Structures are given as C-alpha cells and as structure tokens.
Amino acid sequence: MLLRLVLIAALIGTVIWLWRKSRRPTAIAKPTEVAGEPMQRCAHCGVHVPQRLAISADQLYYCSQAHLQQGPGHSEQ
C-alpha cells in the first residue's frame, strides 16, 4: 500500500515536472545590436553614437548632418 502511494506520487511529480519544462521558452532572444560595437562621441552635443552611423570630419565625429554643419560644441573648443 505504501509502495503504491510512493509510485503514484513519483508519477504525479514527473508529470508536473515534464509539463513545467515544456512550458519554458526554449530559445533566448538574441540582442538586436552587436555587442562591443565601437561608439563615437558627437563633437557638438556629446551624444554617443555607433561608429557606423557617425559622420566624421576633420578627425571629429558627429551624430547628425546638422551638428556637423554647426561644428564642435563649447566643450570641444
């Protein structure tokens, strides 16, 4: 009688464990940005942008065409 109860409890535990395991997400979402991408600081406003998106001129980087036209900010002069 006791052995039957132990087997039933083990069976119920196994079913619950398998059910919970099947409900877990299997794939982890990959980050959209590449880790370790080089960043550059805008010479006008100081915002950091990925190097591939930054606009460079005279060895300085800018976050937008408007900031490139305005030139370096007060902190860079």
PDB file of N, CA and C in Angstrom:
ATOM      1  N   MET A   1       0.820  -1.189   0.000  1.00  0.00           N
ATOM      2  CA  MET A   1       0.000   0.000   0.000  1.00  0.00           C
ATOM      3  C   MET A   1       0.869   1.259   0.000  1.00  0.00           C
ATOM      4  N   LEU A   2       1.896   1.284   0.852  1.00  0.00           N
ATOM      5  CA  LEU A   2       2.782   2.433   0.922  1.00  0.00           C
ATOM      6  C   LEU A   2       3.585   2.569  -0.372  1.00  0.00           C
ATOM      7  N   LEU A   3       3.996   1.452  -0.944  1.00  0.00           N
ATOM      8  CA  LEU A   3       4.751   1.476  -2.192  1.00  0.00           C
ATOM      9  C   LEU A   3       3.897   2.054  -3.318  1.00  0.00           C
ATOM     10  N   ARG A   4       2.611   1.739  -3.332  1.00  0.00           N
ATOM     11  CA  ARG A   4       1.692   2.279  -4.331  1.00  0.00           C
ATOM     12  C   ARG A   4       1.585   3.804  -4.222  1.00  0.00           C
ATOM     13  N   LEU A   5       1.509   4.308  -2.999  1.00  0.00           N
ATOM     14  CA  LEU A   5       1.421   5.753  -2.789  1.00  0.00           C
ATOM     15  C   LEU A   5       2.702   6.461  -3.246  1.00  0.00           C
ATOM     16  N   VAL A   6       3.851   5.856  -2.965  1.00  0.00           N
ATOM     17  CA  VAL A   6       5.117   6.430  -3.382  1.00  0.00           C
ATOM     18  C   VAL A   6       5.218   6.448  -4.908  1.00  0.00           C
ATOM     19  N   LEU A   7       4.813   5.380  -5.566  1.00  0.00           N
ATOM     20  CA  LEU A   7       4.856   5.327  -7.024  1.00  0.00           C
ATOM     21  C   LEU A   7       3.899   6.346  -7.648  1.00  0.00           C
ATOM     22  N   ILE A   8       2.710   6.492  -7.089  1.00  0.00           N
ATOM     23  CA  ILE A   8       1.743   7.471  -7.603  1.00  0.00           C
ATOM     24  C   ILE A   8       2.281   8.889  -7.409  1.00  0.00           C
ATOM     25  N   ALA A   9       2.865   9.162  -6.261  1.00  0.00           N
ATOM     26  CA  ALA A   9       3.437  10.488  -6.003  1.00  0.00           C
ATOM     27  C   ALA A   9       4.588  10.759  -6.971  1.00  0.00           C
ATOM     28  N   ALA A  10       5.441   9.783  -7.232  1.00  0.00           N
ATOM     29  CA  ALA A  10       6.547   9.941  -8.170  1.00  0.00           C
ATOM     30  C   ALA A  10       6.021  10.166  -9.582  1.00  0.00           C
ATOM     31  N   LEU A  11       4.977   9.453  -9.961  1.00  0.00           N
ATOM     32  CA  LEU A  11       4.384   9.624 -11.280  1.00  0.00           C
ATOM     33  C   LEU A  11       3.779  11.015 -11.431  1.00  0.00           C
ATOM     34  N   ILE A  12       3.068  11.478 -10.434  1.00  0.00           N
ATOM     35  CA  ILE A  12       2.470  12.824 -10.466  1.00  0.00           C
ATOM     36  C   ILE A  12       3.571  13.884 -10.509  1.00  0.00           C
ATOM     37  N   GLY A  13       4.612  13.705  -9.715  1.00  0.00           N
ATOM     38  CA  GLY A  13       5.728  14.643  -9.724  1.00  0.00           C
ATOM     39  C   GLY A  13       6.410  14.698 -11.082  1.00  0.00           C
ATOM     40  N   THR A  14       6.601  13.562 -11.704  1.00  0.00           N
ATOM     41  CA  THR A  14       7.229  13.505 -13.025  1.00  0.00           C
ATOM     42  C   THR A  14       6.363  14.200 -14.069  1.00  0.00           C
ATOM     43  N   VAL A  15       5.064  13.978 -14.033  1.00  0.00           N
ATOM     44  CA  VAL A  15       4.148  14.625 -14.977  1.00  0.00           C
ATOM     45  C   VAL A  15       4.181  16.138 -14.793  1.00  0.00           C
ATOM     46  N   ILE A  16       4.151  16.612 -13.573  1.00  0.00           N
ATOM     47  CA  ILE A  16       4.201  18.055 -13.308  1.00  0.00           C
ATOM     48  C   ILE A  16       5.534  18.635 -13.773  1.00  0.00           C
ATOM     49  N   TRP A  17       6.633  17.946 -13.512  1.00  0.00           N
ATOM     50  CA  TRP A  17       7.951  18.416 -13.933  1.00  0.00           C
ATOM     51  C   TRP A  17       8.042  18.509 -15.453  1.00  0.00           C
ATOM     52  N   LEU A  18       7.554  17.484 -16.162  1.00  0.00           N
ATOM     53  CA  LEU A  18       7.574  17.498 -17.627  1.00  0.00           C
ATOM     54  C   LEU A  18       6.677  18.602 -18.183  1.00  0.00           C
ATOM     55  N   TRP A  19       5.523  18.826 -17.560  1.00  0.00           N
ATOM     56  CA  TRP A  19       4.606  19.870 -18.016  1.00  0.00           C
ATOM     57  C   TRP A  19       5.237  21.250 -17.852  1.00  0.00           C
ATOM     58  N   ARG A  20       5.871  21.498 -16.702  1.00  0.00           N
ATOM     59  CA  ARG A  20       6.519  22.783 -16.466  1.00  0.00           C
ATOM     60  C   ARG A  20       7.703  22.987 -17.414  1.00  0.00           C
ATOM     61  N   LYS A  21       8.449  21.934 -17.685  1.00  0.00           N
ATOM     62  CA  LYS A  21       9.594  22.018 -18.576  1.00  0.00           C
ATOM     63  C   LYS A  21       9.150  22.343 -20.002  1.00  0.00           C
ATOM     64  N   SER A  22       8.038  21.812 -20.429  1.00  0.00           N
ATOM     65  CA  SER A  22       7.554  22.062 -21.788  1.00  0.00           C
ATOM     66  C   SER A  22       7.015  23.479 -21.952  1.00  0.00           C
ATOM     67  N   ARG A  23       6.630  24.142 -20.870  1.00  0.00           N
ATOM     68  CA  ARG A  23       6.087  25.499 -20.948  1.00  0.00           C
ATOM     69  C   ARG A  23       7.170  26.574 -20.967  1.00  0.00           C
ATOM     70  N   ARG A  24       8.401  26.238 -20.628  1.00  0.00           N
ATOM     71  CA  ARG A  24       9.504  27.200 -20.620  1.00  0.00           C
ATOM     72  C   ARG A  24       9.886  27.547 -22.059  1.00  0.00           C
ATOM     73  N   PRO A  25      10.250  28.802 -22.295  1.00  0.00           N
ATOM     74  CA  PRO A  25      10.721  29.155 -23.644  1.00  0.00           C
ATOM     75  C   PRO A  25      12.049  28.460 -23.929  1.00  0.00           C
ATOM     76  N   THR A  26      12.170  27.913 -25.121  1.00  0.00           N
ATOM     77  CA  THR A  26      13.373  27.156 -25.448  1.00  0.00           C
ATOM     78  C   THR A  26      14.469  28.038 -26.022  1.00  0.00           C
ATOM     79  N   ALA A  27      14.096  29.060 -26.789  1.00  0.00           N
ATOM     80  CA  ALA A  27      15.101  29.913 -27.417  1.00  0.00           C
ATOM     81  C   ALA A  27      15.154  31.261 -26.704  1.00  0.00           C
ATOM     82  N   ILE A  28      16.357  31.721 -26.465  1.00  0.00           N
ATOM     83  CA  ILE A  28      16.558  33.034 -25.860  1.00  0.00           C
ATOM     84  C   ILE A  28      16.693  34.042 -26.995  1.00  0.00           C
ATOM     85  N   ALA A  29      15.990  35.164 -26.871  1.00  0.00           N
ATOM     86  CA  ALA A  29      16.034  36.185 -27.911  1.00  0.00           C
ATOM     87  C   ALA A  29      17.437  36.766 -28.020  1.00  0.00           C
ATOM     88  N   LYS A  30      17.912  36.899 -29.242  1.00  0.00           N
ATOM     89  CA  LYS A  30      19.242  37.457 -29.472  1.00  0.00           C
ATOM     90  C   LYS A  30      19.154  38.979 -29.441  1.00  0.00           C
ATOM     91  N   PRO A  31      20.184  39.627 -28.922  1.00  0.00           N
ATOM     92  CA  PRO A  31      20.161  41.097 -28.914  1.00  0.00           C
ATOM     93  C   PRO A  31      20.198  41.637 -30.337  1.00  0.00           C
ATOM     94  N   THR A  32      19.527  42.775 -30.546  1.00  0.00           N
ATOM     95  CA  THR A  32      19.473  43.358 -31.883  1.00  0.00           C
ATOM     96  C   THR A  32      20.759  44.077 -32.246  1.00  0.00           C
ATOM     97  N   GLU A  33      21.437  44.632 -31.277  1.00  0.00           N
ATOM     98  CA  GLU A  33      22.691  45.330 -31.530  1.00  0.00           C
ATOM     99  C   GLU A  33      23.864  44.366 -31.315  1.00  0.00           C
ATOM    100  N   VAL A  34      24.887  44.566 -32.069  1.00  0.00           N
ATOM    101  CA  VAL A  34      26.093  43.763 -31.932  1.00  0.00           C
ATOM    102  C   VAL A  34      26.824  44.215 -30.669  1.00  0.00           C
ATOM    103  N   ALA A  35      27.154  43.265 -29.824  1.00  0.00           N
ATOM    104  CA  ALA A  35      27.858  43.601 -28.578  1.00  0.00           C
ATOM    105  C   ALA A  35      29.270  44.062 -28.902  1.00  0.00           C
ATOM    106  N   GLY A  36      29.709  45.099 -28.228  1.00  0.00           N
ATOM    107  CA  GLY A  36      31.066  45.581 -28.401  1.00  0.00           C
ATOM    108  C   GLY A  36      31.261  46.464 -29.622  1.00  0.00           C
ATOM    109  N   GLU A  37      30.177  46.991 -30.172  1.00  0.00           N
ATOM    110  CA  GLU A  37      30.310  47.867 -31.332  1.00  0.00           C
ATOM    111  C   GLU A  37      30.976  49.178 -30.907  1.00  0.00           C
ATOM    112  N   PRO A  38      31.963  49.665 -31.662  1.00  0.00           N
ATOM    113  CA  PRO A  38      32.646  50.903 -31.275  1.00  0.00           C
ATOM    114  C   PRO A  38      31.695  52.098 -31.337  1.00  0.00           C
ATOM    115  N   MET A  39      31.784  52.945 -30.316  1.00  0.00           N
ATOM    116  CA  MET A  39      30.935  54.133 -30.225  1.00  0.00           C
ATOM    117  C   MET A  39      31.812  55.375 -30.353  1.00  0.00           C
ATOM    118  N   GLN A  40      31.233  56.434 -30.881  1.00  0.00           N
ATOM    119  CA  GLN A  40      31.928  57.703 -31.011  1.00  0.00           C
ATOM    120  C   GLN A  40      31.094  58.804 -30.372  1.00  0.00           C
ATOM    121  N   ARG A  41      31.766  59.792 -29.805  1.00  0.00           N
ATOM    122  CA  ARG A  41      31.103  60.903 -29.134  1.00  0.00           C
ATOM    123  C   ARG A  41      30.935  62.046 -30.121  1.00  0.00           C
ATOM    124  N   CYS A  42      29.719  62.584 -30.205  1.00  0.00           N
ATOM    125  CA  CYS A  42      29.453  63.723 -31.080  1.00  0.00           C
ATOM    126  C   CYS A  42      30.237  64.929 -30.562  1.00  0.00           C
ATOM    127  N   ALA A  43      30.985  65.590 -31.458  1.00  0.00           N
ATOM    128  CA  ALA A  43      31.805  66.738 -31.067  1.00  0.00           C
ATOM    129  C   ALA A  43      30.946  67.947 -30.717  1.00  0.00           C
ATOM    130  N   HIS A  44      29.692  67.953 -31.143  1.00  0.00           N
ATOM    131  CA  HIS A  44      28.825  69.100 -30.870  1.00  0.00           C
ATOM    132  C   HIS A  44      28.029  68.933 -29.573  1.00  0.00           C
ATOM    133  N   CYS A  45      27.313  67.814 -29.443  1.00  0.00           N
ATOM    134  CA  CYS A  45      26.410  67.652 -28.287  1.00  0.00           C
ATOM    135  C   CYS A  45      26.882  66.626 -27.267  1.00  0.00           C
ATOM    136  N   GLY A  46      27.832  65.765 -27.616  1.00  0.00           N
ATOM    137  CA  GLY A  46      28.359  64.793 -26.673  1.00  0.00           C
ATOM    138  C   GLY A  46      27.628  63.461 -26.640  1.00  0.00           C
ATOM    139  N   VAL A  47      26.615  63.302 -27.467  1.00  0.00           N
ATOM    140  CA  VAL A  47      25.875  62.034 -27.508  1.00  0.00           C
ATOM    141  C   VAL A  47      26.763  60.969 -28.147  1.00  0.00           C
ATOM    142  N   HIS A  48      26.721  59.759 -27.595  1.00  0.00           N
ATOM    143  CA  HIS A  48      27.486  58.652 -28.162  1.00  0.00           C
ATOM    144  C   HIS A  48      26.635  57.935 -29.204  1.00  0.00           C
ATOM    145  N   VAL A  49      27.206  57.719 -30.378  1.00  0.00           N
ATOM    146  CA  VAL A  49      26.527  57.018 -31.471  1.00  0.00           C
ATOM    147  C   VAL A  49      27.442  55.917 -31.983  1.00  0.00           C
ATOM    148  N   PRO A  50      26.864  54.843 -32.548  1.00  0.00           N
ATOM    149  CA  PRO A  50      27.706  53.797 -33.137  1.00  0.00           C
ATOM    150  C   PRO A  50      28.580  54.387 -34.249  1.00  0.00           C
ATOM    151  N   GLN A  51      29.792  53.911 -34.348  1.00  0.00           N
ATOM    152  CA  GLN A  51      30.739  54.463 -35.313  1.00  0.00           C
ATOM    153  C   GLN A  51      30.220  54.327 -36.736  1.00  0.00           C
ATOM    154  N   ARG A  52      29.478  53.264 -37.019  1.00  0.00           N
ATOM    155  CA  ARG A  52      28.976  53.069 -38.374  1.00  0.00           C
ATOM    156  C   ARG A  52      27.911  54.095 -38.744  1.00  0.00           C
ATOM    157  N   LEU A  53      27.278  54.737 -37.761  1.00  0.00           N
ATOM    158  CA  LEU A  53      26.266  55.751 -38.022  1.00  0.00           C
ATOM    159  C   LEU A  53      26.798  57.171 -37.884  1.00  0.00           C
ATOM    160  N   ALA A  54      27.970  57.320 -37.298  1.00  0.00           N
ATOM    161  CA  ALA A  54      28.530  58.649 -37.047  1.00  0.00           C
ATOM    162  C   ALA A  54      29.056  59.252 -38.347  1.00  0.00           C
ATOM    163  N   ILE A  55      28.995  60.582 -38.413  1.00  0.00           N
ATOM    164  CA  ILE A  55      29.521  61.328 -39.550  1.00  0.00           C
ATOM    165  C   ILE A  55      30.863  61.906 -39.105  1.00  0.00           C
ATOM    166  N   SER A  56      31.926  61.611 -39.865  1.00  0.00           N
ATOM    167  CA  SER A  56      33.248  62.086 -39.450  1.00  0.00           C
ATOM    168  C   SER A  56      33.721  63.209 -40.370  1.00  0.00           C
ATOM    169  N   ALA A  57      34.394  64.176 -39.766  1.00  0.00           N
ATOM    170  CA  ALA A  57      35.001  65.283 -40.500  1.00  0.00           C
ATOM    171  C   ALA A  57      36.118  65.859 -39.639  1.00  0.00           C
ATOM    172  N   ASP A  58      37.276  66.080 -40.236  1.00  0.00           N
ATOM    173  CA  ASP A  58      38.430  66.647 -39.529  1.00  0.00           C
ATOM    174  C   ASP A  58      38.764  65.890 -38.238  1.00  0.00           C
ATOM    175  N   GLN A  59      38.737  64.588 -38.316  1.00  0.00           N
ATOM    176  CA  GLN A  59      39.041  63.700 -37.188  1.00  0.00           C
ATOM    177  C   GLN A  59      38.078  63.875 -36.020  1.00  0.00           C
ATOM    178  N   LEU A  60      36.898  64.425 -36.235  1.00  0.00           N
ATOM    179  CA  LEU A  60      35.837  64.534 -35.232  1.00  0.00           C
ATOM    180  C   LEU A  60      34.622  63.784 -35.742  1.00  0.00           C
ATOM    181  N   TYR A  61      33.779  63.346 -34.820  1.00  0.00           N
ATOM    182  CA  TYR A  61      32.568  62.611 -35.183  1.00  0.00           C
ATOM    183  C   TYR A  61      31.347  63.406 -34.750  1.00  0.00           C
ATOM    184  N   TYR A  62      30.282  63.294 -35.534  1.00  0.00           N
ATOM    185  CA  TYR A  62      29.029  64.000 -35.260  1.00  0.00           C
ATOM    186  C   TYR A  62      27.867  63.019 -35.372  1.00  0.00           C
ATOM    187  N   CYS A  63      26.802  63.311 -34.618  1.00  0.00           N
ATOM    188  CA  CYS A  63      25.642  62.416 -34.613  1.00  0.00           C
ATOM    189  C   CYS A  63      24.676  62.719 -35.754  1.00  0.00           C
ATOM    190  N   SER A  64      24.757  63.913 -36.344  1.00  0.00           N
ATOM    191  CA  SER A  64      23.844  64.264 -37.436  1.00  0.00           C
ATOM    192  C   SER A  64      24.511  65.275 -38.358  1.00  0.00           C
ATOM    193  N   GLN A  65      23.912  65.447 -39.527  1.00  0.00           N
ATOM    194  CA  GLN A  65      24.409  66.414 -40.501  1.00  0.00           C
ATOM    195  C   GLN A  65      24.291  67.838 -39.954  1.00  0.00           C
ATOM    196  N   ALA A  66      23.232  68.119 -39.197  1.00  0.00           N
ATOM    197  CA  ALA A  66      23.042  69.450 -38.618  1.00  0.00           C
ATOM    198  C   ALA A  66      24.162  69.790 -37.640  1.00  0.00           C
ATOM    199  N   HIS A  67      24.564  68.843 -36.823  1.00  0.00           N
ATOM    200  CA  HIS A  67      25.649  69.094 -35.865  1.00  0.00           C
ATOM    201  C   HIS A  67      26.991  69.220 -36.578  1.00  0.00           C
ATOM    202  N   LEU A  68      27.158  68.518 -37.691  1.00  0.00           N
ATOM    203  CA  LEU A  68      28.372  68.673 -38.487  1.00  0.00           C
ATOM    204  C   LEU A  68      28.466  70.097 -39.019  1.00  0.00           C
ATOM    205  N   GLN A  69      27.344  70.632 -39.490  1.00  0.00           N
ATOM    206  CA  GLN A  69      27.334  71.995 -40.026  1.00  0.00           C
ATOM    207  C   GLN A  69      27.549  73.036 -38.927  1.00  0.00           C
ATOM    208  N   GLN A  70      27.065  72.763 -37.713  1.00  0.00           N
ATOM    209  CA  GLN A  70      27.218  73.704 -36.605  1.00  0.00           C
ATOM    210  C   GLN A  70      28.621  73.669 -36.025  1.00  0.00           C
ATOM    211  N   GLY A  71      29.330  72.591 -36.217  1.00  0.00           N
ATOM    212  CA  GLY A  71      30.699  72.478 -35.742  1.00  0.00           C
ATOM    213  C   GLY A  71      30.769  71.997 -34.299  1.00  0.00           C
ATOM    214  N   PRO A  72      31.998  71.959 -33.752  1.00  0.00           N
ATOM    215  CA  PRO A  72      32.183  71.485 -32.371  1.00  0.00           C
ATOM    216  C   PRO A  72      31.444  72.362 -31.370  1.00  0.00           C
ATOM    217  N   GLY A  73      30.999  71.738 -30.286  1.00  0.00           N
ATOM    218  CA  GLY A  73      30.308  72.456 -29.225  1.00  0.00           C
ATOM    219  C   GLY A  73      31.298  73.192 -28.343  1.00  0.00           C
ATOM    220  N   HIS A  74      30.795  73.833 -27.297  1.00  0.00           N
ATOM    221  CA  HIS A  74      31.625  74.629 -26.385  1.00  0.00           C
ATOM    222  C   HIS A  74      32.644  73.775 -25.646  1.00  0.00           C
ATOM    223  N   SER A  75      32.316  72.529 -25.352  1.00  0.00           N
ATOM    224  CA  SER A  75      33.235  71.680 -24.584  1.00  0.00           C
ATOM    225  C   SER A  75      34.431  71.230 -25.404  1.00  0.00           C
ATOM    226  N   GLU A  76      34.330  71.233 -26.718  1.00  0.00           N
ATOM    227  CA  GLU A  76      35.417  70.772 -27.583  1.00  0.00           C
ATOM    228  C   GLU A  76      36.353  71.895 -28.010  1.00  0.00           C
ATOM    229  N   GLN A  77      36.033  73.151 -27.769  1.00  0.00           N
ATOM    230  CA  GLN A  77      36.854  74.270 -28.254  1.00  0.00           C
ATOM    231  C   GLN A  77      38.021  74.560 -27.351  1.00  0.00           C
TER     232      GLN A  77
END
